[in-house]
């Protein structure tokens, strides 16, 4: 499997018994399905083990648009995360695969004071 951002090799990585992803040996991007992403959100320390790429490189790679899904080659859509809207995920509309640039899993796992304030403001704006 080839990385849609840098064409590096996407190697299978396991964490525990339920979490299986592919991580790019070049840029550190992570590909998984949406159910695995939800498992990773709930799993303690998974980001420290799996999200080992450079967040700086990940931010640069996040600017690359119209990527092909590593799983099925469909064009992935960029979608803001529901819980942390400043994180943009590449999601496949065909197979439900998700590509995370290096640093994005760690960002999703760390809820900051600013994230709590954004949620409160969103409630009051309704």
PDB file of N, CA and C in Angstrom:
ATOM      1  N   UNK A   1       0.859  -1.174   0.000  1.00  0.00           N
ATOM      2  CA  UNK A   1       0.000   0.000   0.000  1.00  0.00           C
ATOM      3  C   UNK A   1       0.903   1.234   0.000  1.00  0.00           C
ATOM      4  N   UNK A   2       0.537   2.218  -0.814  1.00  0.00           N
ATOM      5  CA  UNK A   2       1.345   3.432  -0.968  1.00  0.00           C
ATOM      6  C   UNK A   2       0.683   4.629  -0.288  1.00  0.00           C
ATOM      7  N   UNK A   3       1.498   5.441   0.371  1.00  0.00           N
ATOM      8  CA  UNK A   3       1.010   6.646   1.047  1.00  0.00           C
ATOM      9  C   UNK A   3       0.493   7.648   0.019  1.00  0.00           C
ATOM     10  N   UNK A   4      -0.696   8.204   0.250  1.00  0.00           N
ATOM     11  CA  UNK A   4      -1.243   9.181  -0.692  1.00  0.00           C
ATOM     12  C   UNK A   4      -0.583  10.554  -0.602  1.00  0.00           C
ATOM     13  N   UNK A   5       0.216  10.786   0.425  1.00  0.00           N
ATOM     14  CA  UNK A   5       0.845  12.096   0.606  1.00  0.00           C
ATOM     15  C   UNK A   5       2.284  12.119   0.099  1.00  0.00           C
ATOM     16  N   UNK A   6       3.057  11.038   0.349  1.00  0.00           N
ATOM     17  CA  UNK A   6       4.481  11.069  -0.026  1.00  0.00           C
ATOM     18  C   UNK A   6       4.917   9.855  -0.841  1.00  0.00           C
ATOM     19  N   UNK A   7       3.994   8.945  -1.133  1.00  0.00           N
ATOM     20  CA  UNK A   7       4.264   7.713  -1.893  1.00  0.00           C
ATOM     21  C   UNK A   7       5.155   6.728  -1.134  1.00  0.00           C
ATOM     22  N   UNK A   8       5.310   6.922   0.180  1.00  0.00           N
ATOM     23  CA  UNK A   8       6.067   5.976   0.999  1.00  0.00           C
ATOM     24  C   UNK A   8       5.288   4.687   1.206  1.00  0.00           C
ATOM     25  N   UNK A   9       5.949   3.695   1.763  1.00  0.00           N
ATOM     26  CA  UNK A   9       5.342   2.397   2.024  1.00  0.00           C
ATOM     27  C   UNK A   9       4.497   2.467   3.298  1.00  0.00           C
ATOM     28  N   UNK A  10       3.233   2.054   3.206  1.00  0.00           N
ATOM     29  CA  UNK A  10       2.334   2.024   4.359  1.00  0.00           C
ATOM     30  C   UNK A  10       2.458   0.650   5.019  1.00  0.00           C
ATOM     31  N   UNK A  11       3.113   0.611   6.176  1.00  0.00           N
ATOM     32  CA  UNK A  11       3.383  -0.662   6.855  1.00  0.00           C
ATOM     33  C   UNK A  11       2.329  -0.945   7.924  1.00  0.00           C
ATOM     34  N   UNK A  12       1.886  -2.209   8.032  1.00  0.00           N
ATOM     35  CA  UNK A  12       0.903  -2.549   9.062  1.00  0.00           C
ATOM     36  C   UNK A  12       1.506  -2.456  10.467  1.00  0.00           C
ATOM     37  N   UNK A  13       0.739  -1.856  11.375  1.00  0.00           N
ATOM     38  CA  UNK A  13       1.135  -1.700  12.777  1.00  0.00           C
ATOM     39  C   UNK A  13      -0.067  -2.119  13.631  1.00  0.00           C
ATOM     40  N   UNK A  14       0.196  -2.830  14.712  1.00  0.00           N
ATOM     41  CA  UNK A  14      -0.871  -3.225  15.630  1.00  0.00           C
ATOM     42  C   UNK A  14      -0.623  -2.621  17.000  1.00  0.00           C
ATOM     43  N   UNK A  15      -1.728  -2.286  17.665  1.00  0.00           N
ATOM     44  CA  UNK A  15      -1.676  -1.797  19.044  1.00  0.00           C
ATOM     45  C   UNK A  15      -2.747  -2.563  19.806  1.00  0.00           C
ATOM     46  N   UNK A  16      -2.340  -3.397  20.723  1.00  0.00           N
ATOM     47  CA  UNK A  16      -3.310  -4.223  21.436  1.00  0.00           C
ATOM     48  C   UNK A  16      -3.907  -5.259  20.503  1.00  0.00           C
ATOM     49  N   UNK A  17      -5.129  -5.661  20.786  1.00  0.00           N
ATOM     50  CA  UNK A  17      -5.762  -6.706  19.979  1.00  0.00           C
ATOM     51  C   UNK A  17      -6.724  -6.169  18.932  1.00  0.00           C
ATOM     52  N   UNK A  18      -7.218  -4.941  19.096  1.00  0.00           N
ATOM     53  CA  UNK A  18      -8.258  -4.428  18.206  1.00  0.00           C
ATOM     54  C   UNK A  18      -7.808  -3.326  17.258  1.00  0.00           C
ATOM     55  N   UNK A  19      -6.651  -2.752  17.479  1.00  0.00           N
ATOM     56  CA  UNK A  19      -6.241  -1.594  16.686  1.00  0.00           C
ATOM     57  C   UNK A  19      -5.170  -2.009  15.686  1.00  0.00           C
ATOM     58  N   UNK A  20      -5.567  -1.948  14.410  1.00  0.00           N
ATOM     59  CA  UNK A  20      -4.653  -2.247  13.311  1.00  0.00           C
ATOM     60  C   UNK A  20      -4.708  -1.087  12.329  1.00  0.00           C
ATOM     61  N   UNK A  21      -3.554  -0.501  12.085  1.00  0.00           N
ATOM     62  CA  UNK A  21      -3.462   0.636  11.166  1.00  0.00           C
ATOM     63  C   UNK A  21      -2.316   0.379  10.196  1.00  0.00           C
ATOM     64  N   UNK A  22      -2.174   1.287   9.245  1.00  0.00           N
ATOM     65  CA  UNK A  22      -0.995   1.305   8.377  1.00  0.00           C
ATOM     66  C   UNK A  22      -0.345   2.660   8.564  1.00  0.00           C
ATOM     67  N   UNK A  23       0.971   2.639   8.827  1.00  0.00           N
ATOM     68  CA  UNK A  23       1.707   3.889   9.034  1.00  0.00           C
ATOM     69  C   UNK A  23       2.750   4.029   7.935  1.00  0.00           C
ATOM     70  N   UNK A  24       2.843   5.240   7.385  1.00  0.00           N
ATOM     71  CA  UNK A  24       3.794   5.506   6.314  1.00  0.00           C
ATOM     72  C   UNK A  24       5.216   5.540   6.866  1.00  0.00           C
ATOM     73  N   UNK A  25       6.099   4.805   6.207  1.00  0.00           N
ATOM     74  CA  UNK A  25       7.502   4.793   6.623  1.00  0.00           C
ATOM     75  C   UNK A  25       8.213   6.082   6.228  1.00  0.00           C
ATOM     76  N   UNK A  26       7.587   6.881   5.352  1.00  0.00           N
ATOM     77  CA  UNK A  26       8.188   8.143   4.931  1.00  0.00           C
ATOM     78  C   UNK A  26       7.763   9.327   5.780  1.00  0.00           C
ATOM     79  N   UNK A  27       6.465   9.628   5.777  1.00  0.00           N
ATOM     80  CA  UNK A  27       5.973  10.843   6.445  1.00  0.00           C
ATOM     81  C   UNK A  27       5.314  10.579   7.795  1.00  0.00           C
ATOM     82  N   UNK A  28       5.050   9.319   8.133  1.00  0.00           N
ATOM     83  CA  UNK A  28       4.431   8.998   9.415  1.00  0.00           C
ATOM     84  C   UNK A  28       2.919   9.111   9.425  1.00  0.00           C
ATOM     85  N   UNK A  29       2.294   9.337   8.259  1.00  0.00           N
ATOM     86  CA  UNK A  29       0.838   9.383   8.183  1.00  0.00           C
ATOM     87  C   UNK A  29       0.238   8.034   8.555  1.00  0.00           C
ATOM     88  N   UNK A  30      -1.002   8.048   9.040  1.00  0.00           N
ATOM     89  CA  UNK A  30      -1.676   6.831   9.496  1.00  0.00           C
ATOM     90  C   UNK A  30      -2.966   6.647   8.708  1.00  0.00           C
ATOM     91  N   UNK A  31      -3.186   5.419   8.220  1.00  0.00           N
ATOM     92  CA  UNK A  31      -4.419   5.072   7.523  1.00  0.00           C
ATOM     93  C   UNK A  31      -5.128   3.976   8.310  1.00  0.00           C
ATOM     94  N   UNK A  32      -6.448   4.164   8.514  1.00  0.00           N
ATOM     95  CA  UNK A  32      -7.258   3.167   9.215  1.00  0.00           C
ATOM     96  C   UNK A  32      -8.710   3.353   8.795  1.00  0.00           C
ATOM     97  N   UNK A  33      -9.588   2.478   9.287  1.00  0.00           N
ATOM     98  CA  UNK A  33     -11.006   2.727   9.027  1.00  0.00           C
ATOM     99  C   UNK A  33     -11.589   3.528  10.187  1.00  0.00           C
ATOM    100  N   UNK A  34     -12.777   4.045   9.976  1.00  0.00           N
ATOM    101  CA  UNK A  34     -13.372   4.960  10.950  1.00  0.00           C
ATOM    102  C   UNK A  34     -13.594   4.310  12.314  1.00  0.00           C
ATOM    103  N   UNK A  35     -13.948   3.024  12.330  1.00  0.00           N
ATOM    104  CA  UNK A  35     -14.157   2.340  13.614  1.00  0.00           C
ATOM    105  C   UNK A  35     -12.856   2.277  14.415  1.00  0.00           C
ATOM    106  N   UNK A  36     -11.750   2.042  13.729  1.00  0.00           N
ATOM    107  CA  UNK A  36     -10.455   1.994  14.416  1.00  0.00           C
ATOM    108  C   UNK A  36     -10.095   3.376  14.955  1.00  0.00           C
ATOM    109  N   UNK A  37     -10.424   4.424  14.203  1.00  0.00           N
ATOM    110  CA  UNK A  37     -10.171   5.781  14.694  1.00  0.00           C
ATOM    111  C   UNK A  37     -10.907   6.011  16.010  1.00  0.00           C
ATOM    112  N   UNK A  38     -12.145   5.565  16.100  1.00  0.00           N
ATOM    113  CA  UNK A  38     -12.906   5.732  17.342  1.00  0.00           C
ATOM    114  C   UNK A  38     -12.288   4.920  18.480  1.00  0.00           C
ATOM    115  N   UNK A  39     -11.792   3.727  18.184  1.00  0.00           N
ATOM    116  CA  UNK A  39     -11.096   2.935  19.209  1.00  0.00           C
ATOM    117  C   UNK A  39      -9.837   3.662  19.685  1.00  0.00           C
ATOM    118  N   UNK A  40      -9.108   4.274  18.748  1.00  0.00           N
ATOM    119  CA  UNK A  40      -7.879   4.986  19.116  1.00  0.00           C
ATOM    120  C   UNK A  40      -8.174   6.206  19.971  1.00  0.00           C
ATOM    121  N   UNK A  41      -9.294   6.872  19.723  1.00  0.00           N
ATOM    122  CA  UNK A  41      -9.670   8.033  20.542  1.00  0.00           C
ATOM    123  C   UNK A  41      -9.827   7.643  22.008  1.00  0.00           C
ATOM    124  N   UNK A  42     -10.342   6.434  22.238  1.00  0.00           N
ATOM    125  CA  UNK A  42     -10.626   5.985  23.601  1.00  0.00           C
ATOM    126  C   UNK A  42      -9.435   5.297  24.270  1.00  0.00           C
ATOM    127  N   UNK A  43      -8.458   4.898  23.499  1.00  0.00           N
ATOM    128  CA  UNK A  43      -7.330   4.115  24.029  1.00  0.00           C
ATOM    129  C   UNK A  43      -6.239   5.018  24.591  1.00  0.00           C
ATOM    130  N   UNK A  44      -5.837   4.751  25.814  1.00  0.00           N
ATOM    131  CA  UNK A  44      -4.810   5.543  26.485  1.00  0.00           C
ATOM    132  C   UNK A  44      -3.448   5.287  25.862  1.00  0.00           C
ATOM    133  N   UNK A  45      -2.693   6.314  25.581  1.00  0.00           N
ATOM    134  CA  UNK A  45      -1.315   6.271  25.087  1.00  0.00           C
ATOM    135  C   UNK A  45      -1.150   5.729  23.670  1.00  0.00           C
ATOM    136  N   UNK A  46      -2.228   5.482  22.946  1.00  0.00           N
ATOM    137  CA  UNK A  46      -2.089   4.955  21.588  1.00  0.00           C
ATOM    138  C   UNK A  46      -1.355   5.943  20.683  1.00  0.00           C
ATOM    139  N   UNK A  47      -1.566   7.229  20.908  1.00  0.00           N
ATOM    140  CA  UNK A  47      -0.910   8.239  20.069  1.00  0.00           C
ATOM    141  C   UNK A  47       0.603   8.239  20.268  1.00  0.00           C
ATOM    142  N   UNK A  48       1.054   7.991  21.494  1.00  0.00           N
ATOM    143  CA  UNK A  48       2.498   7.975  21.766  1.00  0.00           C
ATOM    144  C   UNK A  48       3.187   6.829  21.034  1.00  0.00           C
ATOM    145  N   UNK A  49       2.461   5.746  20.799  1.00  0.00           N
ATOM    146  CA  UNK A  49       3.030   4.580  20.129  1.00  0.00           C
ATOM    147  C   UNK A  49       2.874   4.665  18.611  1.00  0.00           C
ATOM    148  N   UNK A  50       1.715   5.096  18.141  1.00  0.00           N
ATOM    149  CA  UNK A  50       1.436   5.071  16.703  1.00  0.00           C
ATOM    150  C   UNK A  50       1.774   6.363  15.971  1.00  0.00           C
ATOM    151  N   UNK A  51       1.572   7.498  16.600  1.00  0.00           N
ATOM    152  CA  UNK A  51       1.753   8.790  15.920  1.00  0.00           C
ATOM    153  C   UNK A  51       3.181   9.289  16.143  1.00  0.00           C
ATOM    154  N   UNK A  52       4.119   8.668  15.443  1.00  0.00           N
ATOM    155  CA  UNK A  52       5.536   8.938  15.685  1.00  0.00           C
ATOM    156  C   UNK A  52       6.177   9.852  14.645  1.00  0.00           C
ATOM    157  N   UNK A  53       5.419  10.267  13.639  1.00  0.00           N
ATOM    158  CA  UNK A  53       5.977  11.140  12.602  1.00  0.00           C
ATOM    159  C   UNK A  53       6.104  12.576  13.077  1.00  0.00           C
ATOM    160  N   UNK A  54       6.751  13.394  12.274  1.00  0.00           N
ATOM    161  CA  UNK A  54       6.953  14.807  12.587  1.00  0.00           C
ATOM    162  C   UNK A  54       5.659  15.597  12.397  1.00  0.00           C
ATOM    163  N   UNK A  55       5.202  16.265  13.452  1.00  0.00           N
ATOM    164  CA  UNK A  55       3.999  17.097  13.355  1.00  0.00           C
ATOM    165  C   UNK A  55       4.216  18.256  12.388  1.00  0.00           C
ATOM    166  N   UNK A  56       5.443  18.741  12.279  1.00  0.00           N
ATOM    167  CA  UNK A  56       5.756  19.824  11.332  1.00  0.00           C
ATOM    168  C   UNK A  56       5.555  19.326   9.906  1.00  0.00           C
ATOM    169  N   UNK A  57       6.085  18.134   9.601  1.00  0.00           N
ATOM    170  CA  UNK A  57       5.884  17.541   8.272  1.00  0.00           C
ATOM    171  C   UNK A  57       4.405  17.250   8.052  1.00  0.00           C
ATOM    172  N   UNK A  58       3.726  16.780   9.094  1.00  0.00           N
ATOM    173  CA  UNK A  58       2.299  16.505   8.991  1.00  0.00           C
ATOM    174  C   UNK A  58       1.501  17.747   8.646  1.00  0.00           C
ATOM    175  N   UNK A  59       1.852  18.890   9.239  1.00  0.00           N
ATOM    176  CA  UNK A  59       1.161  20.148   8.930  1.00  0.00           C
ATOM    177  C   UNK A  59       1.382  20.527   7.466  1.00  0.00           C
ATOM    178  N   UNK A  60       2.590  20.302   6.964  1.00  0.00           N
ATOM    179  CA  UNK A  60       2.855  20.571   5.536  1.00  0.00           C
ATOM    180  C   UNK A  60       2.049  19.626   4.658  1.00  0.00           C
ATOM    181  N   UNK A  61       2.024  18.354   5.024  1.00  0.00           N
ATOM    182  CA  UNK A  61       1.276  17.369   4.238  1.00  0.00           C
ATOM    183  C   UNK A  61      -0.223  17.617   4.282  1.00  0.00           C
ATOM    184  N   UNK A  62      -0.703  18.248   5.344  1.00  0.00           N
ATOM    185  CA  UNK A  62      -2.128  18.541   5.461  1.00  0.00           C
ATOM    186  C   UNK A  62      -2.600  19.484   4.357  1.00  0.00           C
ATOM    187  N   UNK A  63      -1.685  20.217   3.764  1.00  0.00           N
ATOM    188  CA  UNK A  63      -2.034  21.136   2.671  1.00  0.00           C
ATOM    189  C   UNK A  63      -2.248  20.401   1.350  1.00  0.00           C
ATOM    190  N   UNK A  64      -1.810  19.150   1.248  1.00  0.00           N
ATOM    191  CA  UNK A  64      -1.984  18.369   0.018  1.00  0.00           C
ATOM    192  C   UNK A  64      -3.442  17.954  -0.078  1.00  0.00           C
ATOM    193  N   UNK A  65      -4.071  18.289  -1.178  1.00  0.00           N
ATOM    194  CA  UNK A  65      -5.509  18.048  -1.354  1.00  0.00           C
ATOM    195  C   UNK A  65      -5.759  16.977  -2.422  1.00  0.00           C
ATOM    196  N   UNK A  66      -7.000  16.534  -2.499  1.00  0.00           N
ATOM    197  CA  UNK A  66      -7.454  15.588  -3.526  1.00  0.00           C
ATOM    198  C   UNK A  66      -6.589  14.332  -3.580  1.00  0.00           C
ATOM    199  N   UNK A  67      -6.432  13.696  -2.437  1.00  0.00           N
ATOM    200  CA  UNK A  67      -5.616  12.486  -2.388  1.00  0.00           C
ATOM    201  C   UNK A  67      -6.471  11.254  -2.668  1.00  0.00           C
ATOM    202  N   UNK A  68      -5.830  10.213  -3.179  1.00  0.00           N
ATOM    203  CA  UNK A  68      -6.506   8.943  -3.427  1.00  0.00           C
ATOM    204  C   UNK A  68      -6.444   8.096  -2.162  1.00  0.00           C
ATOM    205  N   UNK A  69      -7.550   7.479  -1.827  1.00  0.00           N
ATOM    206  CA  UNK A  69      -7.617   6.595  -0.662  1.00  0.00           C
ATOM    207  C   UNK A  69      -6.627   5.443  -0.848  1.00  0.00           C
ATOM    208  N   UNK A  70      -5.778   5.191   0.142  1.00  0.00           N
ATOM    209  CA  UNK A  70      -4.841   4.069   0.030  1.00  0.00           C
ATOM    210  C   UNK A  70      -5.546   2.713  -0.034  1.00  0.00           C
ATOM    211  N   UNK A  71      -6.774   2.646   0.482  1.00  0.00           N
ATOM    212  CA  UNK A  71      -7.506   1.385   0.513  1.00  0.00           C
ATOM    213  C   UNK A  71      -8.238   1.041  -0.763  1.00  0.00           C
ATOM    214  N   UNK A  72      -8.828   2.066  -1.428  1.00  0.00           N
ATOM    215  CA  UNK A  72      -9.663   1.770  -2.602  1.00  0.00           C
ATOM    216  C   UNK A  72      -9.441   2.716  -3.781  1.00  0.00           C
ATOM    217  N   UNK A  73      -8.597   3.723  -3.628  1.00  0.00           N
ATOM    218  CA  UNK A  73      -8.225   4.685  -4.678  1.00  0.00           C
ATOM    219  C   UNK A  73      -9.289   5.746  -4.978  1.00  0.00           C
ATOM    220  N   UNK A  74     -10.402   5.761  -4.246  1.00  0.00           N
ATOM    221  CA  UNK A  74     -11.391   6.837  -4.428  1.00  0.00           C
ATOM    222  C   UNK A  74     -10.793   8.145  -3.902  1.00  0.00           C
ATOM    223  N   UNK A  75     -11.293   9.272  -4.399  1.00  0.00           N
ATOM    224  CA  UNK A  75     -10.812  10.565  -3.919  1.00  0.00           C
ATOM    225  C   UNK A  75     -11.358  10.816  -2.517  1.00  0.00           C
ATOM    226  N   UNK A  76     -10.457  11.097  -1.591  1.00  0.00           N
ATOM    227  CA  UNK A  76     -10.852  11.332  -0.202  1.00  0.00           C
ATOM    228  C   UNK A  76     -11.366  12.758  -0.032  1.00  0.00           C
ATOM    229  N   UNK A  77     -12.283  12.946   0.907  1.00  0.00           N
ATOM    230  CA  UNK A  77     -12.836  14.266   1.228  1.00  0.00           C
ATOM    231  C   UNK A  77     -12.182  14.784   2.495  1.00  0.00           C
ATOM    232  N   UNK A  78     -12.006  16.093   2.549  1.00  0.00           N
ATOM    233  CA  UNK A  78     -11.454  16.730   3.749  1.00  0.00           C
ATOM    234  C   UNK A  78     -12.623  17.151   4.630  1.00  0.00           C
ATOM    235  N   UNK A  79     -12.632  16.638   5.854  1.00  0.00           N
ATOM    236  CA  UNK A  79     -13.738  16.892   6.777  1.00  0.00           C
ATOM    237  C   UNK A  79     -13.171  17.345   8.118  1.00  0.00           C
ATOM    238  N   UNK A  80     -13.738  18.423   8.657  1.00  0.00           N
ATOM    239  CA  UNK A  80     -13.335  18.889   9.988  1.00  0.00           C
ATOM    240  C   UNK A  80     -13.855  17.901  11.025  1.00  0.00           C
ATOM    241  N   UNK A  81     -13.022  17.554  11.977  1.00  0.00           N
ATOM    242  CA  UNK A  81     -13.418  16.646  13.045  1.00  0.00           C
ATOM    243  C   UNK A  81     -14.568  17.259  13.842  1.00  0.00           C
ATOM    244  N   UNK A  82     -15.541  16.437  14.218  1.00  0.00           N
ATOM    245  CA  UNK A  82     -16.712  16.931  14.948  1.00  0.00           C
ATOM    246  C   UNK A  82     -16.359  17.450  16.333  1.00  0.00           C
ATOM    247  N   UNK A  83     -15.419  16.812  17.004  1.00  0.00           N
ATOM    248  CA  UNK A  83     -15.058  17.212  18.360  1.00  0.00           C
ATOM    249  C   UNK A  83     -14.004  18.310  18.392  1.00  0.00           C
ATOM    250  N   UNK A  84     -13.090  18.287  17.433  1.00  0.00           N
ATOM    251  CA  UNK A  84     -12.020  19.288  17.387  1.00  0.00           C
ATOM    252  C   UNK A  84     -11.968  19.838  15.957  1.00  0.00           C
ATOM    253  N   UNK A  85     -12.751  20.860  15.714  1.00  0.00           N
ATOM    254  CA  UNK A  85     -12.953  21.359  14.350  1.00  0.00           C
ATOM    255  C   UNK A  85     -11.700  21.928  13.700  1.00  0.00           C
ATOM    256  N   UNK A  86     -10.656  22.195  14.476  1.00  0.00           N
ATOM    257  CA  UNK A  86      -9.416  22.693  13.874  1.00  0.00           C
ATOM    258  C   UNK A  86      -8.598  21.571  13.233  1.00  0.00           C
ATOM    259  N   UNK A  87      -9.004  20.313  13.450  1.00  0.00           N
ATOM    260  CA  UNK A  87      -8.327  19.165  12.841  1.00  0.00           C
ATOM    261  C   UNK A  87      -9.129  18.730  11.620  1.00  0.00           C
ATOM    262  N   UNK A  88      -8.465  18.703  10.467  1.00  0.00           N
ATOM    263  CA  UNK A  88      -9.111  18.301   9.224  1.00  0.00           C
ATOM    264  C   UNK A  88      -8.647  16.899   8.854  1.00  0.00           C
ATOM    265  N   UNK A  89      -9.600  15.991   8.708  1.00  0.00           N
ATOM    266  CA  UNK A  89      -9.298  14.601   8.382  1.00  0.00           C
ATOM    267  C   UNK A  89      -9.566  14.339   6.907  1.00  0.00           C
ATOM    268  N   UNK A  90      -8.805  13.420   6.322  1.00  0.00           N
ATOM    269  CA  UNK A  90      -9.068  12.949   4.962  1.00  0.00           C
ATOM    270  C   UNK A  90      -9.875  11.665   5.102  1.00  0.00           C
ATOM    271  N   UNK A  91     -11.137  11.686   4.628  1.00  0.00           N
ATOM    272  CA  UNK A  91     -12.055  10.566   4.809  1.00  0.00           C
ATOM    273  C   UNK A  91     -12.513  10.065   3.447  1.00  0.00           C
ATOM    274  N   UNK A  92     -12.537   8.752   3.277  1.00  0.00           N
ATOM    275  CA  UNK A  92     -12.966   8.156   2.015  1.00  0.00           C
ATOM    276  C   UNK A  92     -14.482   7.946   2.025  1.00  0.00           C
ATOM    277  N   UNK A  93     -15.192   8.507   1.033  1.00  0.00           N
ATOM    278  CA  UNK A  93     -16.640   8.313   0.978  1.00  0.00           C
ATOM    279  C   UNK A  93     -17.030   6.908   0.510  1.00  0.00           C
ATOM    280  N   UNK A  94     -16.101   6.186  -0.092  1.00  0.00           N
ATOM    281  CA  UNK A  94     -16.414   4.862  -0.625  1.00  0.00           C
ATOM    282  C   UNK A  94     -16.218   3.744   0.398  1.00  0.00           C
ATOM    283  N   UNK A  95     -15.072   3.731   1.083  1.00  0.00           N
ATOM    284  CA  UNK A  95     -14.775   2.607   1.987  1.00  0.00           C
ATOM    285  C   UNK A  95     -14.703   3.009   3.459  1.00  0.00           C
ATOM    286  N   UNK A  96     -14.915   4.303   3.767  1.00  0.00           N
ATOM    287  CA  UNK A  96     -14.895   4.803   5.147  1.00  0.00           C
ATOM    288  C   UNK A  96     -13.497   4.788   5.762  1.00  0.00           C
ATOM    289  N   UNK A  97     -12.464   4.760   4.921  1.00  0.00           N
ATOM    290  CA  UNK A  97     -11.099   4.850   5.409  1.00  0.00           C
ATOM    291  C   UNK A  97     -10.779   6.276   5.830  1.00  0.00           C
ATOM    292  N   UNK A  98      -9.817   6.428   6.733  1.00  0.00           N
ATOM    293  CA  UNK A  98      -9.412   7.743   7.235  1.00  0.00           C
ATOM    294  C   UNK A  98      -7.890   7.827   7.157  1.00  0.00           C
ATOM    295  N   UNK A  99      -7.382   8.964   6.645  1.00  0.00           N
ATOM    296  CA  UNK A  99      -5.941   9.197   6.633  1.00  0.00           C
ATOM    297  C   UNK A  99      -5.649  10.357   7.571  1.00  0.00           C
ATOM    298  N   UNK A 100      -4.734  10.113   8.520  1.00  0.00           N
ATOM    299  CA  UNK A 100      -4.313  11.134   9.480  1.00  0.00           C
ATOM    300  C   UNK A 100      -2.877  11.520   9.171  1.00  0.00           C
ATOM    301  N   UNK A 101      -2.630  12.804   8.977  1.00  0.00           N
ATOM    302  CA  UNK A 101      -1.255  13.259   8.817  1.00  0.00           C
ATOM    303  C   UNK A 101      -0.537  13.112  10.150  1.00  0.00           C
ATOM    304  N   UNK A 102       0.781  13.035  10.106  1.00  0.00           N
ATOM    305  CA  UNK A 102       1.571  12.921  11.333  1.00  0.00           C
ATOM    306  C   UNK A 102       1.197  14.051  12.292  1.00  0.00           C
ATOM    307  N   UNK A 103       0.967  13.715  13.539  1.00  0.00           N
ATOM    308  CA  UNK A 103       0.608  14.690  14.560  1.00  0.00           C
ATOM    309  C   UNK A 103      -0.884  14.853  14.774  1.00  0.00           C
ATOM    310  N   UNK A 104      -1.699  14.437  13.804  1.00  0.00           N
ATOM    311  CA  UNK A 104      -3.148  14.636  13.941  1.00  0.00           C
ATOM    312  C   UNK A 104      -3.769  13.722  14.996  1.00  0.00           C
ATOM    313  N   UNK A 105      -3.312  12.491  15.108  1.00  0.00           N
ATOM    314  CA  UNK A 105      -3.856  11.606  16.143  1.00  0.00           C
ATOM    315  C   UNK A 105      -3.555  12.173  17.526  1.00  0.00           C
ATOM    316  N   UNK A 106      -2.346  12.640  17.730  1.00  0.00           N
ATOM    317  CA  UNK A 106      -1.988  13.254  19.019  1.00  0.00           C
ATOM    318  C   UNK A 106      -2.843  14.483  19.287  1.00  0.00           C
ATOM    319  N   UNK A 107      -3.093  15.273  18.240  1.00  0.00           N
ATOM    320  CA  UNK A 107      -3.932  16.465  18.377  1.00  0.00           C
ATOM    321  C   UNK A 107      -5.363  16.075  18.735  1.00  0.00           C
ATOM    322  N   UNK A 108      -5.892  15.047  18.085  1.00  0.00           N
ATOM    323  CA  UNK A 108      -7.248  14.590  18.394  1.00  0.00           C
ATOM    324  C   UNK A 108      -7.360  14.084  19.830  1.00  0.00           C
ATOM    325  N   UNK A 109      -6.304  13.483  20.335  1.00  0.00           N
ATOM    326  CA  UNK A 109      -6.333  12.903  21.678  1.00  0.00           C
ATOM    327  C   UNK A 109      -6.153  13.932  22.783  1.00  0.00           C
ATOM    328  N   UNK A 110      -5.622  15.097  22.462  1.00  0.00           N
ATOM    329  CA  UNK A 110      -5.385  16.096  23.511  1.00  0.00           C
ATOM    330  C   UNK A 110      -6.439  17.196  23.434  1.00  0.00           C
ATOM    331  N   UNK A 111      -7.354  17.152  24.363  1.00  0.00           N
ATOM    332  CA  UNK A 111      -8.404  18.161  24.444  1.00  0.00           C
ATOM    333  C   UNK A 111      -7.876  19.291  25.328  1.00  0.00           C
ATOM    334  N   UNK A 112      -7.852  20.488  24.773  1.00  0.00           N
ATOM    335  CA  UNK A 112      -7.298  21.637  25.491  1.00  0.00           C
ATOM    336  C   UNK A 112      -8.407  22.519  26.052  1.00  0.00           C
ATOM    337  N   UNK A 113      -8.027  23.491  26.844  1.00  0.00           N
ATOM    338  CA  UNK A 113      -8.976  24.471  27.364  1.00  0.00           C
ATOM    339  C   UNK A 113      -9.677  25.180  26.210  1.00  0.00           C
ATOM    340  N   UNK A 114      -8.924  25.494  25.153  1.00  0.00           N
ATOM    341  CA  UNK A 114      -9.514  26.167  23.995  1.00  0.00           C
ATOM    342  C   UNK A 114     -10.594  25.295  23.350  1.00  0.00           C
ATOM    343  N   UNK A 115     -10.390  23.988  23.301  1.00  0.00           N
ATOM    344  CA  UNK A 115     -11.396  23.081  22.755  1.00  0.00           C
ATOM    345  C   UNK A 115     -12.676  23.132  23.586  1.00  0.00           C
ATOM    346  N   UNK A 116     -12.540  23.161  24.913  1.00  0.00           N
ATOM    347  CA  UNK A 116     -13.715  23.262  25.788  1.00  0.00           C
ATOM    348  C   UNK A 116     -14.430  24.600  25.565  1.00  0.00           C
ATOM    349  N   UNK A 117     -13.686  25.677  25.418  1.00  0.00           N
ATOM    350  CA  UNK A 117     -14.292  26.988  25.164  1.00  0.00           C
ATOM    351  C   UNK A 117     -15.029  27.009  23.831  1.00  0.00           C
ATOM    352  N   UNK A 118     -14.460  26.389  22.810  1.00  0.00           N
ATOM    353  CA  UNK A 118     -15.138  26.321  21.502  1.00  0.00           C
ATOM    354  C   UNK A 118     -16.476  25.614  21.631  1.00  0.00           C
ATOM    355  N   UNK A 119     -16.505  24.507  22.380  1.00  0.00           N
ATOM    356  CA  UNK A 119     -17.759  23.773  22.572  1.00  0.00           C
ATOM    357  C   UNK A 119     -18.796  24.625  23.302  1.00  0.00           C
ATOM    358  N   UNK A 120     -18.363  25.332  24.349  1.00  0.00           N
ATOM    359  CA  UNK A 120     -19.288  26.196  25.083  1.00  0.00           C
ATOM    360  C   UNK A 120     -19.834  27.304  24.192  1.00  0.00           C
ATOM    361  N   UNK A 121     -18.977  27.926  23.418  1.00  0.00           N
ATOM    362  CA  UNK A 121     -19.424  28.986  22.508  1.00  0.00           C
ATOM    363  C   UNK A 121     -20.408  28.452  21.478  1.00  0.00           C
ATOM    364  N   UNK A 122     -20.166  27.253  20.987  1.00  0.00           N
ATOM    365  CA  UNK A 122     -21.073  26.651  20.012  1.00  0.00           C
ATOM    366  C   UNK A 122     -22.455  26.421  20.618  1.00  0.00           C
ATOM    367  N   UNK A 123     -22.509  26.048  21.893  1.00  0.00           N
ATOM    368  CA  UNK A 123     -23.792  25.837  22.571  1.00  0.00           C
ATOM    369  C   UNK A 123     -24.550  27.152  22.689  1.00  0.00           C
ATOM    370  N   UNK A 124     -23.846  28.220  23.064  1.00  0.00           N
ATOM    371  CA  UNK A 124     -24.497  29.514  23.249  1.00  0.00           C
ATOM    372  C   UNK A 124     -24.900  30.163  21.929  1.00  0.00           C
ATOM    373  N   UNK A 125     -24.252  29.803  20.840  1.00  0.00           N
ATOM    374  CA  UNK A 125     -24.588  30.382  19.539  1.00  0.00           C
ATOM    375  C   UNK A 125     -25.860  29.790  18.964  1.00  0.00           C
ATOM    376  N   UNK A 126     -26.304  28.644  19.499  1.00  0.00           N
ATOM    377  CA  UNK A 126     -27.509  27.984  18.967  1.00  0.00           C
ATOM    378  C   UNK A 126     -28.737  28.658  19.404  1.00  0.00           C
TER     379      UNK A 126
END
